[in-house]
Amino acid sequence: MKPVAEMTFEEALRELEGVVGQLESGSVDLDKSIQIYERGAELKKHCEARLAQAQARIEQITAAENGTPEGTRPFDAQ
């Protein structure tokens, strides 16, 4: 199993989706469910951190019409 810290966002998200599927199925025993849940929590935290990093980068990539940076503006995902 690949360490979460070494995963890309996409890898972590795919595994997190698998974790959710396993837990929702109800076919995993209690001890295994706890292990899976802990891994899922780690994956969720990693995904949130990667998204925050991406948002921060997007906020920094603002430029005036003349091509010179004009600072940062909050990213609006809507």
N, C-alpha and C. Protein backbone atom coordinates (compact mmCIF):
# COMPACT_ATOMS: atom_id res chain seq x y z
N MET A 1 0.85 -1.18 0.00
CA MET A 1 0.00 0.00 0.00
C MET A 1 0.89 1.23 0.00
N LYS A 2 0.61 2.12 -0.94
CA LYS A 2 1.41 3.34 -1.10
C LYS A 2 1.14 4.31 0.05
N PRO A 3 2.20 4.91 0.60
CA PRO A 3 1.99 5.92 1.65
C PRO A 3 1.16 7.09 1.11
N VAL A 4 0.23 7.56 1.91
CA VAL A 4 -0.68 8.62 1.48
C VAL A 4 0.10 9.87 1.08
N ALA A 5 1.14 10.21 1.79
CA ALA A 5 1.92 11.42 1.50
C ALA A 5 2.55 11.40 0.12
N GLU A 6 2.74 10.21 -0.45
CA GLU A 6 3.35 10.09 -1.77
C GLU A 6 2.33 10.03 -2.90
N MET A 7 1.06 10.07 -2.57
CA MET A 7 0.01 9.93 -3.58
C MET A 7 -0.31 11.27 -4.24
N THR A 8 -0.70 11.19 -5.50
CA THR A 8 -1.25 12.36 -6.17
C THR A 8 -2.67 12.54 -5.66
N PHE A 9 -3.25 13.67 -5.97
CA PHE A 9 -4.64 13.92 -5.58
C PHE A 9 -5.54 12.85 -6.18
N GLU A 10 -5.33 12.56 -7.46
CA GLU A 10 -6.18 11.60 -8.15
C GLU A 10 -6.07 10.19 -7.56
N GLU A 11 -4.87 9.77 -7.22
CA GLU A 11 -4.67 8.46 -6.61
C GLU A 11 -5.39 8.38 -5.26
N ALA A 12 -5.22 9.42 -4.47
CA ALA A 12 -5.85 9.45 -3.14
C ALA A 12 -7.37 9.47 -3.25
N LEU A 13 -7.89 10.22 -4.20
CA LEU A 13 -9.33 10.30 -4.37
C LEU A 13 -9.91 8.96 -4.81
N ARG A 14 -9.23 8.28 -5.74
CA ARG A 14 -9.70 6.95 -6.18
C ARG A 14 -9.73 5.97 -5.02
N GLU A 15 -8.65 5.97 -4.22
CA GLU A 15 -8.62 5.06 -3.09
C GLU A 15 -9.69 5.43 -2.06
N LEU A 16 -9.89 6.71 -1.84
CA LEU A 16 -10.92 7.16 -0.91
C LEU A 16 -12.30 6.71 -1.37
N GLU A 17 -12.56 6.79 -2.66
CA GLU A 17 -13.83 6.30 -3.20
C GLU A 17 -13.99 4.80 -2.94
N GLY A 18 -12.90 4.05 -3.06
CA GLY A 18 -12.92 2.62 -2.76
C GLY A 18 -13.21 2.35 -1.29
N VAL A 19 -12.62 3.14 -0.44
CA VAL A 19 -12.84 3.02 1.01
C VAL A 19 -14.32 3.24 1.33
N VAL A 20 -14.87 4.29 0.77
CA VAL A 20 -16.28 4.60 1.00
C VAL A 20 -17.16 3.45 0.52
N GLY A 21 -16.84 2.91 -0.64
CA GLY A 21 -17.60 1.78 -1.17
C GLY A 21 -17.55 0.57 -0.26
N GLN A 22 -16.37 0.26 0.27
CA GLN A 22 -16.23 -0.88 1.18
C GLN A 22 -17.04 -0.66 2.45
N LEU A 23 -16.95 0.54 3.01
CA LEU A 23 -17.67 0.81 4.25
C LEU A 23 -19.18 0.81 4.03
N GLU A 24 -19.62 1.34 2.90
CA GLU A 24 -21.05 1.38 2.62
C GLU A 24 -21.62 -0.01 2.36
N SER A 25 -20.80 -0.92 1.87
CA SER A 25 -21.28 -2.26 1.54
C SER A 25 -21.68 -3.04 2.79
N GLY A 26 -21.04 -2.72 3.93
CA GLY A 26 -21.35 -3.40 5.18
C GLY A 26 -20.85 -4.82 5.24
N SER A 27 -20.02 -5.20 4.28
CA SER A 27 -19.54 -6.58 4.23
C SER A 27 -18.17 -6.77 4.89
N VAL A 28 -17.67 -5.74 5.54
CA VAL A 28 -16.35 -5.79 6.17
C VAL A 28 -16.55 -5.91 7.68
N ASP A 29 -15.76 -6.78 8.32
CA ASP A 29 -15.91 -6.93 9.77
C ASP A 29 -15.47 -5.66 10.50
N LEU A 30 -15.80 -5.58 11.77
CA LEU A 30 -15.61 -4.36 12.55
C LEU A 30 -14.15 -3.91 12.60
N ASP A 31 -13.23 -4.81 12.91
CA ASP A 31 -11.82 -4.42 13.02
C ASP A 31 -11.29 -3.90 11.69
N LYS A 32 -11.64 -4.57 10.62
CA LYS A 32 -11.19 -4.14 9.29
C LYS A 32 -11.85 -2.81 8.93
N SER A 33 -13.10 -2.63 9.31
CA SER A 33 -13.80 -1.36 9.06
C SER A 33 -13.09 -0.20 9.73
N ILE A 34 -12.62 -0.42 10.93
CA ILE A 34 -11.91 0.64 11.66
C ILE A 34 -10.61 0.99 10.94
N GLN A 35 -9.88 -0.02 10.49
CA GLN A 35 -8.63 0.21 9.74
C GLN A 35 -8.92 0.97 8.44
N ILE A 36 -9.96 0.54 7.75
CA ILE A 36 -10.32 1.18 6.49
C ILE A 36 -10.74 2.63 6.75
N TYR A 37 -11.51 2.86 7.80
CA TYR A 37 -11.95 4.21 8.14
C TYR A 37 -10.76 5.12 8.44
N GLU A 38 -9.79 4.61 9.20
CA GLU A 38 -8.59 5.39 9.51
C GLU A 38 -7.84 5.77 8.25
N ARG A 39 -7.71 4.82 7.33
CA ARG A 39 -7.04 5.10 6.05
C ARG A 39 -7.84 6.15 5.28
N GLY A 40 -9.16 6.01 5.29
CA GLY A 40 -10.01 6.98 4.61
C GLY A 40 -9.86 8.38 5.17
N ALA A 41 -9.76 8.49 6.48
CA ALA A 41 -9.58 9.80 7.11
C ALA A 41 -8.25 10.42 6.68
N GLU A 42 -7.22 9.59 6.59
CA GLU A 42 -5.91 10.06 6.13
C GLU A 42 -5.99 10.54 4.68
N LEU A 43 -6.67 9.76 3.85
CA LEU A 43 -6.82 10.11 2.43
C LEU A 43 -7.60 11.40 2.27
N LYS A 44 -8.66 11.56 3.05
CA LYS A 44 -9.50 12.78 2.99
C LYS A 44 -8.66 14.00 3.35
N LYS A 45 -7.89 13.89 4.42
CA LYS A 45 -7.04 14.99 4.85
C LYS A 45 -6.03 15.36 3.75
N HIS A 46 -5.45 14.35 3.12
CA HIS A 46 -4.48 14.57 2.04
C HIS A 46 -5.14 15.28 0.87
N CYS A 47 -6.33 14.82 0.48
CA CYS A 47 -7.05 15.44 -0.64
C CYS A 47 -7.39 16.90 -0.33
N GLU A 48 -7.85 17.16 0.87
CA GLU A 48 -8.18 18.53 1.27
C GLU A 48 -6.94 19.43 1.22
N ALA A 49 -5.81 18.91 1.66
CA ALA A 49 -4.57 19.70 1.64
C ALA A 49 -4.13 19.98 0.20
N ARG A 50 -4.23 18.98 -0.67
CA ARG A 50 -3.85 19.18 -2.07
C ARG A 50 -4.77 20.20 -2.74
N LEU A 51 -6.06 20.14 -2.44
CA LEU A 51 -6.99 21.12 -3.00
C LEU A 51 -6.68 22.53 -2.50
N ALA A 52 -6.34 22.66 -1.23
CA ALA A 52 -5.98 23.97 -0.66
C ALA A 52 -4.73 24.52 -1.35
N GLN A 53 -3.76 23.64 -1.61
CA GLN A 53 -2.54 24.07 -2.32
C GLN A 53 -2.88 24.55 -3.72
N ALA A 54 -3.74 23.80 -4.41
CA ALA A 54 -4.12 24.17 -5.76
C ALA A 54 -4.86 25.51 -5.75
N GLN A 55 -5.74 25.71 -4.79
CA GLN A 55 -6.48 26.96 -4.69
C GLN A 55 -5.53 28.13 -4.45
N ALA A 56 -4.55 27.93 -3.59
CA ALA A 56 -3.58 28.99 -3.30
C ALA A 56 -2.79 29.35 -4.56
N ARG A 57 -2.43 28.35 -5.34
CA ARG A 57 -1.69 28.61 -6.59
C ARG A 57 -2.56 29.37 -7.58
N ILE A 58 -3.83 29.00 -7.67
CA ILE A 58 -4.73 29.69 -8.60
C ILE A 58 -4.89 31.15 -8.19
N GLU A 59 -4.99 31.39 -6.88
CA GLU A 59 -5.13 32.76 -6.39
C GLU A 59 -3.91 33.60 -6.73
N GLN A 60 -2.75 32.98 -6.84
CA GLN A 60 -1.52 33.71 -7.13
C GLN A 60 -1.36 33.98 -8.63
N ILE A 61 -2.07 33.26 -9.46
CA ILE A 61 -1.90 33.39 -10.91
C ILE A 61 -2.91 34.39 -11.46
N THR A 62 -2.86 35.58 -10.95
CA THR A 62 -3.70 36.65 -11.49
C THR A 62 -2.77 37.68 -12.11
N ALA A 63 -3.16 38.21 -13.23
CA ALA A 63 -2.31 39.19 -13.89
C ALA A 63 -3.17 40.32 -14.45
N ALA A 64 -2.60 41.48 -14.48
CA ALA A 64 -3.27 42.63 -15.08
C ALA A 64 -3.30 42.45 -16.59
N GLU A 65 -4.05 43.23 -17.28
CA GLU A 65 -4.14 43.13 -18.73
C GLU A 65 -2.79 43.32 -19.40
N ASN A 66 -1.92 44.07 -18.80
CA ASN A 66 -0.61 44.29 -19.41
C ASN A 66 0.37 43.16 -19.10
N GLY A 67 -0.09 42.13 -18.40
CA GLY A 67 0.74 40.96 -18.15
C GLY A 67 1.57 41.02 -16.89
N THR A 68 1.51 42.12 -16.16
CA THR A 68 2.27 42.18 -14.91
C THR A 68 1.39 41.71 -13.76
N PRO A 69 1.95 40.98 -12.85
CA PRO A 69 1.15 40.50 -11.72
C PRO A 69 0.54 41.66 -10.94
N GLU A 70 -0.69 41.51 -10.55
CA GLU A 70 -1.36 42.55 -9.76
C GLU A 70 -1.68 42.07 -8.36
N GLY A 71 -1.10 40.98 -7.95
CA GLY A 71 -1.36 40.46 -6.62
C GLY A 71 -2.25 39.24 -6.67
N THR A 72 -2.92 39.01 -5.59
CA THR A 72 -3.79 37.84 -5.52
C THR A 72 -5.22 38.28 -5.32
N ARG A 73 -6.11 37.42 -5.76
CA ARG A 73 -7.53 37.59 -5.53
C ARG A 73 -8.05 36.25 -5.07
N PRO A 74 -9.05 36.24 -4.21
CA PRO A 74 -9.60 34.96 -3.77
C PRO A 74 -10.14 34.17 -4.96
N PHE A 75 -9.96 32.89 -4.90
CA PHE A 75 -10.47 31.99 -5.92
C PHE A 75 -11.94 31.75 -5.67
N ASP A 76 -12.77 31.92 -6.68
CA ASP A 76 -14.20 31.68 -6.56
C ASP A 76 -14.56 30.50 -7.45
N ALA A 77 -14.82 29.36 -6.84
CA ALA A 77 -15.09 28.14 -7.59
C ALA A 77 -16.45 28.14 -8.26
N GLN A 78 -17.30 29.10 -7.97
CA GLN A 78 -18.65 29.12 -8.53
C GLN A 78 -18.65 29.66 -9.88
